[in-house]
Amino acid sequence: MKLLELEDLAALLGRSPETIRKDIRRNPMAVPPRLHIPGTRMLRWRECDVDAWLAEHVVGGGANESA
């Protein structure tokens, strides 16, 4: 399992690390679910969770999309 750090996620999403930090507090739905490691304040994401979150937000071209 690969873990992504804040800078990795920021680069992947094309956002700044500061924007992601703000979204975690004010709009948690705007970022993938993060991994909470007990006893730490580290921000980490599992790559598989990020991939799944991105797949849920694909728009257009899907069989379930209405015309």
PDB file of N, CA and C in Angstrom:
ATOM      1  N   MET A   1       0.856  -1.177   0.000  1.00  0.00           N
ATOM      2  CA  MET A   1       0.000   0.000   0.000  1.00  0.00           C
ATOM      3  C   MET A   1       0.900   1.236   0.000  1.00  0.00           C
ATOM      4  N   LYS A   2       0.670   2.112  -0.957  1.00  0.00           N
ATOM      5  CA  LYS A   2       1.457   3.332  -1.047  1.00  0.00           C
ATOM      6  C   LYS A   2       0.719   4.465  -0.341  1.00  0.00           C
ATOM      7  N   LEU A   3       1.459   5.212   0.485  1.00  0.00           N
ATOM      8  CA  LEU A   3       0.899   6.371   1.171  1.00  0.00           C
ATOM      9  C   LEU A   3       1.367   7.650   0.480  1.00  0.00           C
ATOM     10  N   LEU A   4       0.453   8.580   0.320  1.00  0.00           N
ATOM     11  CA  LEU A   4       0.774   9.877  -0.272  1.00  0.00           C
ATOM     12  C   LEU A   4       0.865  10.916   0.832  1.00  0.00           C
ATOM     13  N   GLU A   5       1.843  11.780   0.727  1.00  0.00           N
ATOM     14  CA  GLU A   5       1.962  12.906   1.644  1.00  0.00           C
ATOM     15  C   GLU A   5       1.217  14.092   1.048  1.00  0.00           C
ATOM     16  N   LEU A   6       1.083  15.145   1.830  1.00  0.00           N
ATOM     17  CA  LEU A   6       0.346  16.328   1.409  1.00  0.00           C
ATOM     18  C   LEU A   6       0.860  16.866   0.073  1.00  0.00           C
ATOM     19  N   GLU A   7       2.169  16.947  -0.081  1.00  0.00           N
ATOM     20  CA  GLU A   7       2.751  17.485  -1.309  1.00  0.00           C
ATOM     21  C   GLU A   7       2.444  16.588  -2.508  1.00  0.00           C
ATOM     22  N   ASP A   8       2.424  15.277  -2.283  1.00  0.00           N
ATOM     23  CA  ASP A   8       2.082  14.332  -3.359  1.00  0.00           C
ATOM     24  C   ASP A   8       0.642  14.543  -3.811  1.00  0.00           C
ATOM     25  N   LEU A   9      -0.272  14.654  -2.838  1.00  0.00           N
ATOM     26  CA  LEU A   9      -1.680  14.852  -3.165  1.00  0.00           C
ATOM     27  C   LEU A   9      -1.890  16.184  -3.871  1.00  0.00           C
ATOM     28  N   ALA A  10      -1.216  17.219  -3.391  1.00  0.00           N
ATOM     29  CA  ALA A  10      -1.339  18.543  -4.010  1.00  0.00           C
ATOM     30  C   ALA A  10      -0.914  18.500  -5.473  1.00  0.00           C
ATOM     31  N   ALA A  11       0.200  17.851  -5.754  1.00  0.00           N
ATOM     32  CA  ALA A  11       0.682  17.744  -7.134  1.00  0.00           C
ATOM     33  C   ALA A  11      -0.298  16.947  -7.991  1.00  0.00           C
ATOM     34  N   LEU A  12      -0.838  15.876  -7.443  1.00  0.00           N
ATOM     35  CA  LEU A  12      -1.775  15.039  -8.174  1.00  0.00           C
ATOM     36  C   LEU A  12      -3.060  15.787  -8.519  1.00  0.00           C
ATOM     37  N   LEU A  13      -3.551  16.596  -7.564  1.00  0.00           N
ATOM     38  CA  LEU A  13      -4.816  17.316  -7.765  1.00  0.00           C
ATOM     39  C   LEU A  13      -4.627  18.689  -8.408  1.00  0.00           C
ATOM     40  N   GLY A  14      -3.391  19.135  -8.541  1.00  0.00           N
ATOM     41  CA  GLY A  14      -3.151  20.456  -9.121  1.00  0.00           C
ATOM     42  C   GLY A  14      -3.574  21.580  -8.197  1.00  0.00           C
ATOM     43  N   ARG A  15      -3.437  21.357  -6.908  1.00  0.00           N
ATOM     44  CA  ARG A  15      -3.777  22.357  -5.897  1.00  0.00           C
ATOM     45  C   ARG A  15      -2.549  22.614  -5.030  1.00  0.00           C
ATOM     46  N   SER A  16      -2.578  23.700  -4.302  1.00  0.00           N
ATOM     47  CA  SER A  16      -1.475  23.969  -3.382  1.00  0.00           C
ATOM     48  C   SER A  16      -1.715  23.191  -2.084  1.00  0.00           C
ATOM     49  N   PRO A  17      -0.635  22.852  -1.392  1.00  0.00           N
ATOM     50  CA  PRO A  17      -0.804  22.185  -0.094  1.00  0.00           C
ATOM     51  C   PRO A  17      -1.651  23.015   0.873  1.00  0.00           C
ATOM     52  N   GLU A  18      -1.499  24.326   0.844  1.00  0.00           N
ATOM     53  CA  GLU A  18      -2.288  25.184   1.744  1.00  0.00           C
ATOM     54  C   GLU A  18      -3.778  25.098   1.427  1.00  0.00           C
ATOM     55  N   THR A  19      -4.131  25.047   0.156  1.00  0.00           N
ATOM     56  CA  THR A  19      -5.548  24.907  -0.229  1.00  0.00           C
ATOM     57  C   THR A  19      -6.110  23.595   0.292  1.00  0.00           C
ATOM     58  N   ILE A  20      -5.346  22.544   0.184  1.00  0.00           N
ATOM     59  CA  ILE A  20      -5.814  21.249   0.688  1.00  0.00           C
ATOM     60  C   ILE A  20      -5.996  21.298   2.201  1.00  0.00           C
ATOM     61  N   ARG A  21      -5.058  21.912   2.918  1.00  0.00           N
ATOM     62  CA  ARG A  21      -5.209  22.058   4.381  1.00  0.00           C
ATOM     63  C   ARG A  21      -6.495  22.803   4.722  1.00  0.00           C
ATOM     64  N   LYS A  22      -6.769  23.894   3.999  1.00  0.00           N
ATOM     65  CA  LYS A  22      -7.995  24.664   4.249  1.00  0.00           C
ATOM     66  C   LYS A  22      -9.232  23.837   3.946  1.00  0.00           C
ATOM     67  N   ASP A  23      -9.211  23.090   2.842  1.00  0.00           N
ATOM     68  CA  ASP A  23     -10.368  22.273   2.476  1.00  0.00           C
ATOM     69  C   ASP A  23     -10.629  21.174   3.505  1.00  0.00           C
ATOM     70  N   ILE A  24      -9.592  20.634   4.102  1.00  0.00           N
ATOM     71  CA  ILE A  24      -9.783  19.608   5.134  1.00  0.00           C
ATOM     72  C   ILE A  24     -10.637  20.159   6.268  1.00  0.00           C
ATOM     73  N   ARG A  25     -10.419  21.425   6.612  1.00  0.00           N
ATOM     74  CA  ARG A  25     -11.166  22.052   7.710  1.00  0.00           C
ATOM     75  C   ARG A  25     -12.549  22.553   7.278  1.00  0.00           C
ATOM     76  N   ARG A  26     -12.630  23.223   6.152  1.00  0.00           N
ATOM     77  CA  ARG A  26     -13.885  23.899   5.804  1.00  0.00           C
ATOM     78  C   ARG A  26     -14.751  23.155   4.794  1.00  0.00           C
ATOM     79  N   ASN A  27     -14.167  22.261   3.993  1.00  0.00           N
ATOM     80  CA  ASN A  27     -14.935  21.551   2.978  1.00  0.00           C
ATOM     81  C   ASN A  27     -14.347  20.158   2.768  1.00  0.00           C
ATOM     82  N   PRO A  28     -14.511  19.265   3.737  1.00  0.00           N
ATOM     83  CA  PRO A  28     -13.875  17.951   3.669  1.00  0.00           C
ATOM     84  C   PRO A  28     -14.265  17.127   2.447  1.00  0.00           C
ATOM     85  N   MET A  29     -15.411  17.424   1.813  1.00  0.00           N
ATOM     86  CA  MET A  29     -15.821  16.682   0.623  1.00  0.00           C
ATOM     87  C   MET A  29     -14.976  17.055  -0.598  1.00  0.00           C
ATOM     88  N   ALA A  30     -14.187  18.132  -0.511  1.00  0.00           N
ATOM     89  CA  ALA A  30     -13.373  18.601  -1.627  1.00  0.00           C
ATOM     90  C   ALA A  30     -12.012  17.911  -1.690  1.00  0.00           C
ATOM     91  N   VAL A  31     -11.767  16.998  -0.764  1.00  0.00           N
ATOM     92  CA  VAL A  31     -10.503  16.255  -0.757  1.00  0.00           C
ATOM     93  C   VAL A  31     -10.803  14.774  -0.517  1.00  0.00           C
ATOM     94  N   PRO A  32      -9.914  13.902  -0.989  1.00  0.00           N
ATOM     95  CA  PRO A  32     -10.121  12.471  -0.730  1.00  0.00           C
ATOM     96  C   PRO A  32     -10.063  12.169   0.769  1.00  0.00           C
ATOM     97  N   PRO A  33     -10.682  11.068   1.176  1.00  0.00           N
ATOM     98  CA  PRO A  33     -10.620  10.702   2.602  1.00  0.00           C
ATOM     99  C   PRO A  33      -9.182  10.419   3.001  1.00  0.00           C
ATOM    100  N   ARG A  34      -8.798  10.952   4.159  1.00  0.00           N
ATOM    101  CA  ARG A  34      -7.407  10.800   4.580  1.00  0.00           C
ATOM    102  C   ARG A  34      -7.269   9.686   5.594  1.00  0.00           C
ATOM    103  N   LEU A  35      -6.044   9.270   5.759  1.00  0.00           N
ATOM    104  CA  LEU A  35      -5.705   8.216   6.701  1.00  0.00           C
ATOM    105  C   LEU A  35      -5.337   8.867   8.022  1.00  0.00           C
ATOM    106  N   HIS A  36      -5.959   8.396   9.084  1.00  0.00           N
ATOM    107  CA  HIS A  36      -5.629   8.912  10.420  1.00  0.00           C
ATOM    108  C   HIS A  36      -4.729   7.886  11.108  1.00  0.00           C
ATOM    109  N   ILE A  37      -3.509   8.297  11.394  1.00  0.00           N
ATOM    110  CA  ILE A  37      -2.569   7.428  12.092  1.00  0.00           C
ATOM    111  C   ILE A  37      -2.601   7.838  13.561  1.00  0.00           C
ATOM    112  N   PRO A  38      -3.121   6.985  14.447  1.00  0.00           N
ATOM    113  CA  PRO A  38      -3.264   7.341  15.856  1.00  0.00           C
ATOM    114  C   PRO A  38      -1.953   7.829  16.462  1.00  0.00           C
ATOM    115  N   GLY A  39      -2.065   8.874  17.252  1.00  0.00           N
ATOM    116  CA  GLY A  39      -0.908   9.420  17.947  1.00  0.00           C
ATOM    117  C   GLY A  39      -0.080  10.391  17.124  1.00  0.00           C
ATOM    118  N   THR A  40      -0.528  10.682  15.898  1.00  0.00           N
ATOM    119  CA  THR A  40       0.207  11.622  15.049  1.00  0.00           C
ATOM    120  C   THR A  40      -0.754  12.650  14.459  1.00  0.00           C
ATOM    121  N   ARG A  41      -0.179  13.705  13.936  1.00  0.00           N
ATOM    122  CA  ARG A  41      -0.975  14.703  13.217  1.00  0.00           C
ATOM    123  C   ARG A  41      -0.609  14.708  11.731  1.00  0.00           C
ATOM    124  N   MET A  42       0.083  13.642  11.303  1.00  0.00           N
ATOM    125  CA  MET A  42       0.514  13.553   9.913  1.00  0.00           C
ATOM    126  C   MET A  42      -0.685  13.471   8.973  1.00  0.00           C
ATOM    127  N   LEU A  43      -0.572  14.158   7.855  1.00  0.00           N
ATOM    128  CA  LEU A  43      -1.591  14.068   6.815  1.00  0.00           C
ATOM    129  C   LEU A  43      -1.103  13.072   5.775  1.00  0.00           C
ATOM    130  N   ARG A  44      -1.817  11.967   5.650  1.00  0.00           N
ATOM    131  CA  ARG A  44      -1.458  10.930   4.694  1.00  0.00           C
ATOM    132  C   ARG A  44      -2.726  10.411   4.029  1.00  0.00           C
ATOM    133  N   TRP A  45      -2.577   9.971   2.788  1.00  0.00           N
ATOM    134  CA  TRP A  45      -3.668   9.386   2.031  1.00  0.00           C
ATOM    135  C   TRP A  45      -3.190   8.088   1.418  1.00  0.00           C
ATOM    136  N   ARG A  46      -4.066   7.076   1.434  1.00  0.00           N
ATOM    137  CA  ARG A  46      -3.741   5.840   0.734  1.00  0.00           C
ATOM    138  C   ARG A  46      -4.007   6.078  -0.746  1.00  0.00           C
ATOM    139  N   GLU A  47      -3.079   5.671  -1.583  1.00  0.00           N
ATOM    140  CA  GLU A  47      -3.215   5.889  -3.018  1.00  0.00           C
ATOM    141  C   GLU A  47      -4.504   5.261  -3.553  1.00  0.00           C
ATOM    142  N   CYS A  48      -4.876   4.093  -3.043  1.00  0.00           N
ATOM    143  CA  CYS A  48      -6.094   3.429  -3.507  1.00  0.00           C
ATOM    144  C   CYS A  48      -7.344   4.249  -3.168  1.00  0.00           C
ATOM    145  N   ASP A  49      -7.348   4.927  -2.007  1.00  0.00           N
ATOM    146  CA  ASP A  49      -8.489   5.773  -1.635  1.00  0.00           C
ATOM    147  C   ASP A  49      -8.580   7.002  -2.541  1.00  0.00           C
ATOM    148  N   VAL A  50      -7.434   7.571  -2.869  1.00  0.00           N
ATOM    149  CA  VAL A  50      -7.400   8.737  -3.761  1.00  0.00           C
ATOM    150  C   VAL A  50      -7.898   8.335  -5.142  1.00  0.00           C
ATOM    151  N   ASP A  51      -7.433   7.188  -5.656  1.00  0.00           N
ATOM    152  CA  ASP A  51      -7.881   6.710  -6.965  1.00  0.00           C
ATOM    153  C   ASP A  51      -9.399   6.488  -6.980  1.00  0.00           C
ATOM    154  N   ALA A  52      -9.923   5.882  -5.928  1.00  0.00           N
ATOM    155  CA  ALA A  52     -11.371   5.630  -5.848  1.00  0.00           C
ATOM    156  C   ALA A  52     -12.149   6.937  -5.773  1.00  0.00           C
ATOM    157  N   TRP A  53     -11.656   7.901  -4.999  1.00  0.00           N
ATOM    158  CA  TRP A  53     -12.313   9.198  -4.863  1.00  0.00           C
ATOM    159  C   TRP A  53     -12.337   9.917  -6.207  1.00  0.00           C
ATOM    160  N   LEU A  54     -11.223   9.888  -6.924  1.00  0.00           N
ATOM    161  CA  LEU A  54     -11.175  10.520  -8.241  1.00  0.00           C
ATOM    162  C   LEU A  54     -12.144   9.842  -9.212  1.00  0.00           C
ATOM    163  N   ALA A  55     -12.222   8.517  -9.178  1.00  0.00           N
ATOM    164  CA  ALA A  55     -13.129   7.781 -10.064  1.00  0.00           C
ATOM    165  C   ALA A  55     -14.588   8.148  -9.805  1.00  0.00           C
ATOM    166  N   GLU A  56     -14.943   8.451  -8.554  1.00  0.00           N
ATOM    167  CA  GLU A  56     -16.315   8.850  -8.214  1.00  0.00           C
ATOM    168  C   GLU A  56     -16.679  10.222  -8.783  1.00  0.00           C
ATOM    169  N   HIS A  57     -15.666  11.007  -9.159  1.00  0.00           N
ATOM    170  CA  HIS A  57     -15.916  12.372  -9.607  1.00  0.00           C
ATOM    171  C   HIS A  57     -15.698  12.574 -11.105  1.00  0.00           C
ATOM    172  N   VAL A  58     -15.675  11.483 -11.854  1.00  0.00           N
ATOM    173  CA  VAL A  58     -15.550  11.583 -13.306  1.00  0.00           C
ATOM    174  C   VAL A  58     -16.885  12.045 -13.884  1.00  0.00           C
ATOM    175  N   VAL A  59     -16.826  13.024 -14.774  1.00  0.00           N
ATOM    176  CA  VAL A  59     -18.034  13.581 -15.383  1.00  0.00           C
ATOM    177  C   VAL A  59     -17.987  13.338 -16.889  1.00  0.00           C
ATOM    178  N   GLY A  60     -19.100  12.896 -17.446  1.00  0.00           N
ATOM    179  CA  GLY A  60     -19.207  12.723 -18.900  1.00  0.00           C
ATOM    180  C   GLY A  60     -18.732  11.364 -19.376  1.00  0.00           C
ATOM    181  N   GLY A  61     -19.361  10.910 -20.445  1.00  0.00           N
ATOM    182  CA  GLY A  61     -18.931   9.684 -21.078  1.00  0.00           C
ATOM    183  C   GLY A  61     -19.380   8.410 -20.390  1.00  0.00           C
ATOM    184  N   GLY A  62     -20.039   8.526 -19.248  1.00  0.00           N
ATOM    185  CA  GLY A  62     -20.474   7.332 -18.526  1.00  0.00           C
ATOM    186  C   GLY A  62     -21.807   6.821 -19.029  1.00  0.00           C
ATOM    187  N   ALA A  63     -22.031   5.525 -18.881  1.00  0.00           N
ATOM    188  CA  ALA A  63     -23.265   4.916 -19.321  1.00  0.00           C
ATOM    189  C   ALA A  63     -24.458   5.380 -18.490  1.00  0.00           C
ATOM    190  N   ASN A  64     -24.204   5.810 -17.256  1.00  0.00           N
ATOM    191  CA  ASN A  64     -25.302   6.214 -16.374  1.00  0.00           C
ATOM    192  C   ASN A  64     -25.664   7.687 -16.503  1.00  0.00           C
ATOM    193  N   GLU A  65     -24.965   8.424 -17.349  1.00  0.00           N
ATOM    194  CA  GLU A  65     -25.212   9.852 -17.450  1.00  0.00           C
ATOM    195  C   GLU A  65     -26.416  10.115 -18.348  1.00  0.00           C
ATOM    196  N   SER A  66     -27.313  10.995 -17.930  1.00  0.00           N
ATOM    197  CA  SER A  66     -28.506  11.342 -18.715  1.00  0.00           C
ATOM    198  C   SER A  66     -28.138  12.289 -19.832  1.00  0.00           C
ATOM    199  N   ALA A  67     -28.873  12.199 -20.929  1.00  0.00           N
ATOM    200  CA  ALA A  67     -28.628  13.088 -22.084  1.00  0.00           C
ATOM    201  C   ALA A  67     -29.407  14.373 -21.932  1.00  0.00           C
TER     202      ALA A  67
END
